[in-house]
Amino acid sequence: MPAGNINLDYNEIQRVSGVMNQAVNDINPLLLSTKSSVEGLLDNGMFMQQSSPALKESYNNLTASLQKAVESINSFANQFNQIKNNIEKMDADIAAGTKKAG
């Protein structure tokens, strides 16, 4: 952990944000593929007249919840980038104001 109150590695922020965004891109297709497999199983390989529709609905709800949770990863990545951009701008503004005053 760095000493002091603030330490920002802009490249690391961008790298980790990219990793987070890529995770969303990787995970969501897997969720949909798995959902499709489960639906196929419940339609053909494990069909029960009453249970299969209930299981399918429950799994669809689970998939939707997981997708929303995964999408929130993008929100964190965007927030990290916003913090970086705001600090970068503030740093530049302080430097510009100091040069004018000096």
N, C-alpha and C. Protein backbone atom coordinates (compact mmCIF):
# COMPACT_ATOMS: atom_id res chain seq x y z
N MET A 1 0.85 -1.18 0.00
CA MET A 1 0.00 0.00 0.00
C MET A 1 0.89 1.24 0.00
N PRO A 2 0.60 2.20 -0.87
CA PRO A 2 1.43 3.40 -0.96
C PRO A 2 1.31 4.26 0.30
N ALA A 3 2.37 4.98 0.57
CA ALA A 3 2.35 5.94 1.67
C ALA A 3 1.63 7.20 1.20
N GLY A 4 1.06 7.92 2.12
CA GLY A 4 0.37 9.16 1.79
C GLY A 4 -1.12 8.93 1.59
N ASN A 5 -1.79 10.00 1.25
CA ASN A 5 -3.25 9.95 1.14
C ASN A 5 -3.75 9.61 -0.26
N ILE A 6 -2.96 9.93 -1.27
CA ILE A 6 -3.41 9.69 -2.65
C ILE A 6 -2.26 9.14 -3.47
N ASN A 7 -2.54 8.11 -4.23
CA ASN A 7 -1.59 7.58 -5.19
C ASN A 7 -2.41 6.95 -6.31
N LEU A 8 -2.27 7.47 -7.50
CA LEU A 8 -3.02 6.94 -8.63
C LEU A 8 -2.07 6.49 -9.73
N ASP A 9 -2.24 5.27 -10.16
CA ASP A 9 -1.49 4.75 -11.30
C ASP A 9 -2.49 4.70 -12.46
N TYR A 10 -2.46 5.74 -13.30
CA TYR A 10 -3.45 5.86 -14.37
C TYR A 10 -3.47 4.64 -15.28
N ASN A 11 -2.30 4.13 -15.61
CA ASN A 11 -2.24 2.94 -16.47
C ASN A 11 -2.88 1.73 -15.81
N GLU A 12 -2.65 1.57 -14.50
CA GLU A 12 -3.23 0.44 -13.78
C GLU A 12 -4.75 0.58 -13.68
N ILE A 13 -5.23 1.80 -13.48
CA ILE A 13 -6.68 2.03 -13.45
C ILE A 13 -7.29 1.63 -14.78
N GLN A 14 -6.68 2.06 -15.87
CA GLN A 14 -7.20 1.71 -17.19
C GLN A 14 -7.12 0.21 -17.45
N ARG A 15 -6.01 -0.41 -17.03
CA ARG A 15 -5.85 -1.84 -17.24
C ARG A 15 -6.92 -2.64 -16.50
N VAL A 16 -7.10 -2.33 -15.22
CA VAL A 16 -8.07 -3.07 -14.41
C VAL A 16 -9.49 -2.81 -14.91
N SER A 17 -9.78 -1.59 -15.30
CA SER A 17 -11.10 -1.29 -15.86
C SER A 17 -11.35 -2.11 -17.12
N GLY A 18 -10.32 -2.25 -17.93
CA GLY A 18 -10.43 -3.08 -19.14
C GLY A 18 -10.67 -4.54 -18.80
N VAL A 19 -9.96 -5.03 -17.77
CA VAL A 19 -10.16 -6.42 -17.32
C VAL A 19 -11.59 -6.61 -16.86
N MET A 20 -12.10 -5.63 -16.13
CA MET A 20 -13.48 -5.72 -15.63
C MET A 20 -14.48 -5.74 -16.78
N ASN A 21 -14.30 -4.83 -17.73
CA ASN A 21 -15.21 -4.79 -18.88
C ASN A 21 -15.14 -6.08 -19.70
N GLN A 22 -13.93 -6.62 -19.85
CA GLN A 22 -13.78 -7.87 -20.59
C GLN A 22 -14.47 -9.02 -19.86
N ALA A 23 -14.41 -9.00 -18.54
CA ALA A 23 -15.09 -10.05 -17.76
C ALA A 23 -16.58 -10.06 -18.05
N VAL A 24 -17.16 -8.89 -18.14
CA VAL A 24 -18.59 -8.80 -18.48
C VAL A 24 -18.83 -9.38 -19.87
N ASN A 25 -17.96 -9.02 -20.81
CA ASN A 25 -18.10 -9.52 -22.18
C ASN A 25 -17.95 -11.04 -22.24
N ASP A 26 -17.14 -11.60 -21.35
CA ASP A 26 -16.92 -13.05 -21.33
C ASP A 26 -18.03 -13.79 -20.58
N ILE A 27 -18.47 -13.23 -19.47
CA ILE A 27 -19.41 -13.93 -18.59
C ILE A 27 -20.82 -13.96 -19.16
N ASN A 28 -21.31 -12.84 -19.67
CA ASN A 28 -22.70 -12.81 -20.13
C ASN A 28 -23.00 -13.83 -21.23
N PRO A 29 -22.15 -14.01 -22.23
CA PRO A 29 -22.43 -15.06 -23.21
C PRO A 29 -22.46 -16.46 -22.59
N LEU A 30 -21.61 -16.69 -21.59
CA LEU A 30 -21.62 -17.99 -20.91
C LEU A 30 -22.94 -18.20 -20.16
N LEU A 31 -23.44 -17.15 -19.55
CA LEU A 31 -24.73 -17.26 -18.86
C LEU A 31 -25.84 -17.61 -19.84
N LEU A 32 -25.83 -16.95 -20.99
CA LEU A 32 -26.87 -17.22 -22.00
C LEU A 32 -26.73 -18.61 -22.60
N SER A 33 -25.51 -19.04 -22.82
CA SER A 33 -25.27 -20.38 -23.35
C SER A 33 -25.73 -21.45 -22.35
N THR A 34 -25.42 -21.21 -21.09
CA THR A 34 -25.84 -22.15 -20.05
C THR A 34 -27.35 -22.18 -19.94
N LYS A 35 -27.98 -21.03 -20.03
CA LYS A 35 -29.45 -20.94 -19.98
C LYS A 35 -30.05 -21.75 -21.11
N SER A 36 -29.47 -21.61 -22.30
CA SER A 36 -29.96 -22.36 -23.45
C SER A 36 -29.81 -23.87 -23.23
N SER A 37 -28.69 -24.28 -22.66
CA SER A 37 -28.48 -25.70 -22.37
C SER A 37 -29.49 -26.22 -21.36
N VAL A 38 -29.74 -25.43 -20.33
CA VAL A 38 -30.71 -25.83 -19.31
C VAL A 38 -32.10 -25.94 -19.92
N GLU A 39 -32.47 -24.97 -20.75
CA GLU A 39 -33.78 -25.03 -21.40
C GLU A 39 -33.91 -26.27 -22.27
N GLY A 40 -32.84 -26.60 -23.01
CA GLY A 40 -32.86 -27.80 -23.84
C GLY A 40 -33.02 -29.06 -23.01
N LEU A 41 -32.32 -29.10 -21.89
CA LEU A 41 -32.45 -30.25 -20.99
C LEU A 41 -33.88 -30.37 -20.47
N LEU A 42 -34.44 -29.26 -20.04
CA LEU A 42 -35.78 -29.29 -19.46
C LEU A 42 -36.86 -29.54 -20.50
N ASP A 43 -36.56 -29.25 -21.76
CA ASP A 43 -37.51 -29.53 -22.83
C ASP A 43 -37.42 -30.96 -23.33
N ASN A 44 -36.24 -31.58 -23.22
CA ASN A 44 -36.05 -32.88 -23.84
C ASN A 44 -35.46 -33.94 -22.91
N GLY A 45 -34.35 -33.65 -22.29
CA GLY A 45 -33.63 -34.68 -21.55
C GLY A 45 -34.10 -34.89 -20.13
N MET A 46 -34.86 -33.95 -19.60
CA MET A 46 -35.37 -34.08 -18.23
C MET A 46 -36.73 -33.41 -18.15
N PHE A 47 -37.61 -33.80 -19.04
CA PHE A 47 -38.93 -33.18 -19.10
C PHE A 47 -39.88 -33.83 -18.10
N MET A 48 -40.50 -32.97 -17.32
CA MET A 48 -41.60 -33.37 -16.44
C MET A 48 -42.68 -32.32 -16.63
N GLN A 49 -43.89 -32.76 -16.82
CA GLN A 49 -44.97 -31.86 -17.24
C GLN A 49 -45.11 -30.63 -16.35
N GLN A 50 -45.06 -30.78 -15.06
CA GLN A 50 -45.26 -29.65 -14.16
C GLN A 50 -43.93 -29.03 -13.69
N SER A 51 -42.97 -29.88 -13.41
CA SER A 51 -41.71 -29.39 -12.84
C SER A 51 -40.85 -28.64 -13.86
N SER A 52 -40.80 -29.13 -15.08
CA SER A 52 -39.91 -28.51 -16.07
C SER A 52 -40.23 -27.04 -16.31
N PRO A 53 -41.51 -26.66 -16.52
CA PRO A 53 -41.79 -25.24 -16.70
C PRO A 53 -41.40 -24.40 -15.47
N ALA A 54 -41.63 -24.95 -14.27
CA ALA A 54 -41.28 -24.22 -13.05
C ALA A 54 -39.76 -24.07 -12.94
N LEU A 55 -39.03 -25.15 -13.22
CA LEU A 55 -37.58 -25.08 -13.18
C LEU A 55 -37.04 -24.11 -14.23
N LYS A 56 -37.63 -24.13 -15.41
CA LYS A 56 -37.20 -23.24 -16.49
C LYS A 56 -37.41 -21.77 -16.08
N GLU A 57 -38.56 -21.47 -15.52
CA GLU A 57 -38.84 -20.10 -15.09
C GLU A 57 -37.86 -19.67 -13.99
N SER A 58 -37.63 -20.55 -13.05
CA SER A 58 -36.70 -20.25 -11.96
C SER A 58 -35.30 -20.01 -12.49
N TYR A 59 -34.85 -20.84 -13.44
CA TYR A 59 -33.51 -20.66 -13.99
C TYR A 59 -33.43 -19.39 -14.83
N ASN A 60 -34.49 -19.04 -15.54
CA ASN A 60 -34.53 -17.79 -16.30
C ASN A 60 -34.38 -16.60 -15.35
N ASN A 61 -35.07 -16.66 -14.21
CA ASN A 61 -34.95 -15.59 -13.21
C ASN A 61 -33.54 -15.50 -12.66
N LEU A 62 -32.94 -16.65 -12.39
CA LEU A 62 -31.56 -16.67 -11.91
C LEU A 62 -30.62 -16.05 -12.94
N THR A 63 -30.78 -16.43 -14.19
CA THR A 63 -29.92 -15.88 -15.25
C THR A 63 -30.06 -14.37 -15.34
N ALA A 64 -31.30 -13.88 -15.27
CA ALA A 64 -31.53 -12.43 -15.34
C ALA A 64 -30.86 -11.73 -14.16
N SER A 65 -30.96 -12.30 -12.97
CA SER A 65 -30.33 -11.71 -11.79
C SER A 65 -28.81 -11.70 -11.93
N LEU A 66 -28.27 -12.80 -12.42
CA LEU A 66 -26.82 -12.87 -12.60
C LEU A 66 -26.34 -11.86 -13.65
N GLN A 67 -27.11 -11.70 -14.72
CA GLN A 67 -26.73 -10.73 -15.75
C GLN A 67 -26.70 -9.32 -15.18
N LYS A 68 -27.69 -8.99 -14.36
CA LYS A 68 -27.71 -7.65 -13.74
C LYS A 68 -26.50 -7.47 -12.83
N ALA A 69 -26.19 -8.50 -12.06
CA ALA A 69 -25.03 -8.43 -11.17
C ALA A 69 -23.74 -8.25 -11.97
N VAL A 70 -23.61 -9.01 -13.04
CA VAL A 70 -22.41 -8.92 -13.87
C VAL A 70 -22.31 -7.54 -14.52
N GLU A 71 -23.43 -7.01 -14.97
CA GLU A 71 -23.42 -5.68 -15.60
C GLU A 71 -22.95 -4.61 -14.63
N SER A 72 -23.17 -4.82 -13.33
CA SER A 72 -22.72 -3.82 -12.36
C SER A 72 -21.20 -3.73 -12.32
N ILE A 73 -20.51 -4.74 -12.81
CA ILE A 73 -19.04 -4.67 -12.92
C ILE A 73 -18.65 -3.50 -13.82
N ASN A 74 -19.40 -3.30 -14.90
CA ASN A 74 -19.13 -2.17 -15.80
C ASN A 74 -19.28 -0.84 -15.07
N SER A 75 -20.25 -0.76 -14.17
CA SER A 75 -20.45 0.48 -13.42
C SER A 75 -19.23 0.81 -12.58
N PHE A 76 -18.66 -0.22 -11.94
CA PHE A 76 -17.44 0.01 -11.16
C PHE A 76 -16.29 0.43 -12.06
N ALA A 77 -16.14 -0.23 -13.19
CA ALA A 77 -15.06 0.14 -14.12
C ALA A 77 -15.22 1.58 -14.58
N ASN A 78 -16.44 1.97 -14.90
CA ASN A 78 -16.70 3.35 -15.33
C ASN A 78 -16.41 4.34 -14.20
N GLN A 79 -16.77 3.96 -12.98
CA GLN A 79 -16.51 4.82 -11.84
C GLN A 79 -15.01 5.01 -11.64
N PHE A 80 -14.24 3.93 -11.75
CA PHE A 80 -12.79 4.03 -11.61
C PHE A 80 -12.21 4.97 -12.67
N ASN A 81 -12.69 4.86 -13.90
CA ASN A 81 -12.20 5.73 -14.97
C ASN A 81 -12.61 7.18 -14.73
N GLN A 82 -13.81 7.40 -14.21
CA GLN A 82 -14.25 8.76 -13.90
C GLN A 82 -13.37 9.39 -12.83
N ILE A 83 -13.07 8.62 -11.80
CA ILE A 83 -12.19 9.12 -10.74
C ILE A 83 -10.84 9.51 -11.35
N LYS A 84 -10.28 8.63 -12.16
CA LYS A 84 -8.99 8.91 -12.82
C LYS A 84 -9.08 10.19 -13.64
N ASN A 85 -10.11 10.31 -14.46
CA ASN A 85 -10.26 11.49 -15.32
C ASN A 85 -10.42 12.76 -14.50
N ASN A 86 -11.22 12.70 -13.43
CA ASN A 86 -11.43 13.89 -12.59
C ASN A 86 -10.15 14.31 -11.88
N ILE A 87 -9.39 13.35 -11.38
CA ILE A 87 -8.14 13.68 -10.71
C ILE A 87 -7.11 14.22 -11.70
N GLU A 88 -7.07 13.61 -12.88
CA GLU A 88 -6.17 14.09 -13.94
C GLU A 88 -6.47 15.55 -14.28
N LYS A 89 -7.74 15.86 -14.43
CA LYS A 89 -8.16 17.23 -14.76
C LYS A 89 -7.83 18.18 -13.62
N MET A 90 -8.14 17.76 -12.39
CA MET A 90 -7.84 18.61 -11.25
C MET A 90 -6.35 18.89 -11.15
N ASP A 91 -5.53 17.89 -11.36
CA ASP A 91 -4.08 18.05 -11.32
C ASP A 91 -3.63 19.06 -12.38
N ALA A 92 -4.17 18.92 -13.58
CA ALA A 92 -3.82 19.85 -14.67
C ALA A 92 -4.29 21.27 -14.36
N ASP A 93 -5.48 21.39 -13.79
CA ASP A 93 -6.02 22.72 -13.43
C ASP A 93 -5.16 23.39 -12.36
N ILE A 94 -4.75 22.62 -11.36
CA ILE A 94 -3.89 23.18 -10.30
C ILE A 94 -2.55 23.63 -10.90
N ALA A 95 -1.99 22.81 -11.77
CA ALA A 95 -0.72 23.18 -12.40
C ALA A 95 -0.87 24.43 -13.23
N ALA A 96 -1.95 24.53 -14.01
CA ALA A 96 -2.17 25.71 -14.85
C ALA A 96 -2.37 26.96 -14.00
N GLY A 97 -3.14 26.83 -12.91
CA GLY A 97 -3.37 27.97 -12.03
C GLY A 97 -2.09 28.41 -11.32
N THR A 98 -1.27 27.47 -10.98
CA THR A 98 0.00 27.78 -10.31
C THR A 98 0.94 28.51 -11.27
N LYS A 99 0.98 28.07 -12.52
CA LYS A 99 1.85 28.73 -13.51
C LYS A 99 1.42 30.17 -13.75
N LYS A 100 0.10 30.39 -13.76
CA LYS A 100 -0.40 31.75 -13.98
C LYS A 100 -0.04 32.65 -12.79
N ALA A 101 -0.14 32.09 -11.60
CA ALA A 101 0.12 32.89 -10.39
C ALA A 101 1.60 33.16 -10.19
N GLY A 102 2.45 32.28 -10.71
CA GLY A 102 3.89 32.38 -10.44
C GLY A 102 4.60 33.14 -11.47
